[in-house]
Amino acid sequence: MPHVNRQFSTICSDEWSMKVAFASSDYRHVDQHFGATPKLVVYGVKESEVTLLRVVDFSVLAGHQQEKLNCRIHALEDCVTLYCVAIGEAVFRQLLQVGVRAVRVPQETTIAGLLQEIQHYWYDKEQRKTARNPQRFAQFLQEQTWQEEDEH
């Protein structure tokens, strides 16, 4: 029995170096356990842009069948992060082996809010990286105005 019912993908998905996935039943909230999610929603994220890249609809079957989990893991192989409300420890480790970090979030966390947080963190990280001057200590020591003060 096939586990993927259908998959929608955009043609520009290769342009995105950061792809994140969300376990969702409604495309708007993270509200599912990874092993039982009916949908995975994958977005591409850049500093100033997010785009829906892929939606995968799964057959929802009870139990922990390895084939069902492998199908879901395969759908995430180009993602860096998966957001879900729950995930088993063994599956968590399997995702790490393919380079995907699973993050548990509270039920009904909005996908839009998480995408904004990702962009904000990315912007802050880039700002810190560009603001850091590797020569700052050498320049500081060479400045003529540097003088130590005597404490009396």
Protein backbone atom coordinates (compact mmCIF):
# COMPACT_ATOMS: atom_id res chain seq x y z
CA MET A 1 0.00 0.00 0.00
CA PRO A 2 1.51 3.37 -0.95
CA HIS A 3 1.99 5.74 1.96
CA VAL A 4 2.13 8.97 -0.07
CA ASN A 5 -1.27 9.91 -1.46
CA ARG A 6 -0.01 12.94 -3.41
CA GLN A 7 2.81 15.43 -3.48
CA PHE A 8 2.83 19.02 -4.70
CA SER A 9 6.26 20.50 -5.47
CA THR A 10 7.29 23.82 -6.99
CA ILE A 11 9.82 23.94 -9.78
CA CYS A 12 12.12 26.36 -7.94
CA SER A 13 12.83 24.15 -4.93
CA ASP A 14 16.53 23.74 -5.83
CA GLU A 15 17.12 27.50 -5.35
CA TRP A 16 16.63 27.28 -1.57
CA SER A 17 19.55 26.27 0.62
CA MET A 18 17.42 26.30 3.78
CA LYS A 19 14.31 24.14 3.74
CA VAL A 20 12.19 23.54 6.82
CA ALA A 21 9.24 21.19 7.29
CA PHE A 22 6.16 21.28 9.49
CA ALA A 23 3.92 18.39 10.61
CA SER A 24 0.47 19.86 10.03
CA SER A 25 -3.11 18.88 9.35
CA ASP A 26 -4.27 22.33 8.19
CA TYR A 27 -1.22 23.97 6.50
CA ARG A 28 -1.25 26.76 9.11
CA HIS A 29 -0.34 25.16 12.44
CA VAL A 30 2.12 22.60 13.74
CA ASP A 31 -0.34 20.20 15.31
CA GLN A 32 0.84 16.66 14.59
CA HIS A 33 3.09 13.86 15.82
CA PHE A 34 5.65 13.15 13.08
CA GLY A 35 4.72 9.48 12.72
CA ALA A 36 1.00 10.22 12.43
CA THR A 37 0.94 13.46 10.45
CA PRO A 38 -1.31 13.52 7.41
CA LYS A 39 0.81 16.26 5.80
CA LEU A 40 4.32 17.62 5.73
CA VAL A 41 4.53 21.22 4.58
CA VAL A 42 8.00 22.29 3.35
CA TYR A 43 9.07 25.92 2.99
CA GLY A 44 12.19 27.49 1.56
CA VAL A 45 13.56 30.25 3.79
CA LYS A 46 15.82 33.17 2.93
CA GLU A 47 16.58 36.31 4.92
CA SER A 48 13.79 38.30 3.30
CA GLU A 49 11.62 35.66 1.65
CA VAL A 50 9.76 32.42 2.35
CA THR A 51 8.12 30.21 -0.24
CA LEU A 52 5.99 27.11 -0.03
CA LEU A 53 8.01 24.45 -1.84
CA ARG A 54 6.27 21.18 -1.21
CA VAL A 55 3.27 19.55 0.43
CA VAL A 56 3.20 15.80 0.92
CA ASP A 57 -0.08 14.09 1.84
CA PHE A 58 0.30 10.72 3.57
CA SER A 59 -2.00 7.81 4.21
CA VAL A 60 -2.67 7.85 7.94
CA LEU A 61 -2.14 4.37 9.34
CA ALA A 62 -2.05 3.32 12.97
CA GLY A 63 1.11 1.85 14.44
CA HIS A 64 4.83 2.27 13.95
CA GLN A 65 5.44 0.54 10.64
CA GLN A 66 9.00 1.17 9.48
CA GLU A 67 7.91 1.55 5.85
CA LYS A 68 5.50 4.34 6.85
CA LEU A 69 8.27 6.12 8.80
CA ASN A 70 10.80 5.65 5.99
CA CYS A 71 8.38 7.34 3.57
CA ARG A 72 8.06 10.35 5.89
CA ILE A 73 11.83 10.51 6.48
CA HIS A 74 12.47 10.36 2.73
CA ALA A 75 10.15 13.35 2.25
CA LEU A 76 12.46 15.38 4.56
CA GLU A 77 15.86 14.48 3.15
CA ASP A 78 16.58 17.95 1.73
CA CYS A 79 15.32 19.77 4.85
CA VAL A 80 17.43 21.04 7.74
CA THR A 81 14.67 21.14 10.37
CA LEU A 82 11.32 19.49 11.07
CA TYR A 83 8.85 21.09 13.47
CA CYS A 84 6.33 18.74 15.12
CA VAL A 85 4.46 18.37 18.41
CA ALA A 86 5.96 14.94 19.17
CA ILE A 87 8.43 12.43 17.77
CA GLY A 88 9.78 9.11 19.02
CA GLU A 89 13.39 8.93 20.18
CA ALA A 90 14.38 6.28 17.61
CA VAL A 91 12.88 8.29 14.74
CA PHE A 92 14.52 11.45 16.11
CA ARG A 93 17.90 9.68 15.77
CA GLN A 94 17.03 8.41 12.28
CA LEU A 95 16.32 11.98 11.17
CA LEU A 96 19.65 13.17 12.58
CA GLN A 97 21.37 10.52 10.47
CA VAL A 98 19.97 12.12 7.29
CA GLY A 99 20.82 15.63 8.50
CA VAL A 100 17.39 16.73 9.75
CA ARG A 101 16.98 18.21 13.23
CA ALA A 102 13.53 17.65 14.75
CA VAL A 103 12.19 20.39 17.02
CA ARG A 104 9.18 19.84 19.26
CA VAL A 105 6.86 22.81 19.60
CA PRO A 106 3.59 23.31 21.51
CA GLN A 107 0.34 22.19 19.87
CA GLU A 108 -1.15 24.81 17.52
CA THR A 109 2.10 26.78 17.05
CA THR A 110 1.65 28.79 13.86
CA ILE A 111 3.81 27.99 10.86
CA ALA A 112 3.93 31.70 9.94
CA GLY A 113 5.27 32.56 13.42
CA LEU A 114 8.00 29.91 13.18
CA LEU A 115 9.01 31.12 9.72
CA GLN A 116 9.33 34.68 11.09
CA GLU A 117 11.49 33.41 13.98
CA ILE A 118 13.74 31.53 11.55
CA GLN A 119 14.16 34.65 9.41
CA HIS A 120 14.80 36.84 12.45
CA TYR A 121 17.43 34.44 13.79
CA TRP A 122 19.06 34.25 10.36
CA TYR A 123 19.15 38.07 10.11
CA ASP A 124 20.61 38.44 13.61
CA LYS A 125 23.23 35.77 12.90
CA GLU A 126 24.24 37.44 9.62
CA GLN A 127 24.40 40.86 11.33
CA ARG A 128 26.67 39.48 14.06
CA LYS A 129 28.86 37.77 11.48
CA THR A 130 29.28 40.90 9.30
CA ALA A 131 29.74 43.21 12.30
CA ARG A 132 32.60 41.14 13.66
CA ASN A 133 36.00 42.34 12.49
CA PRO A 134 38.71 39.70 12.94
CA GLN A 135 41.36 42.45 13.15
CA ARG A 136 39.55 44.44 15.85
CA PHE A 137 41.97 43.57 18.66
CA ALA A 138 45.08 44.38 16.62
CA GLN A 139 43.53 47.69 15.53
CA PHE A 140 42.54 48.49 19.08
CA LEU A 141 46.09 47.98 20.34
CA GLN A 142 47.58 50.12 17.55
CA GLU A 143 45.40 53.12 18.28
CA GLN A 144 47.42 56.07 19.61
CA THR A 145 44.67 57.12 21.97
CA TRP A 146 44.96 53.98 24.07
CA GLN A 147 46.27 54.76 27.54
CA GLU A 148 45.97 52.87 30.76
CA GLU A 149 44.71 54.84 33.67
CA ASP A 150 46.46 54.78 37.02
CA GLU A 151 44.20 53.93 39.89
CA HIS A 152 44.95 55.93 43.04
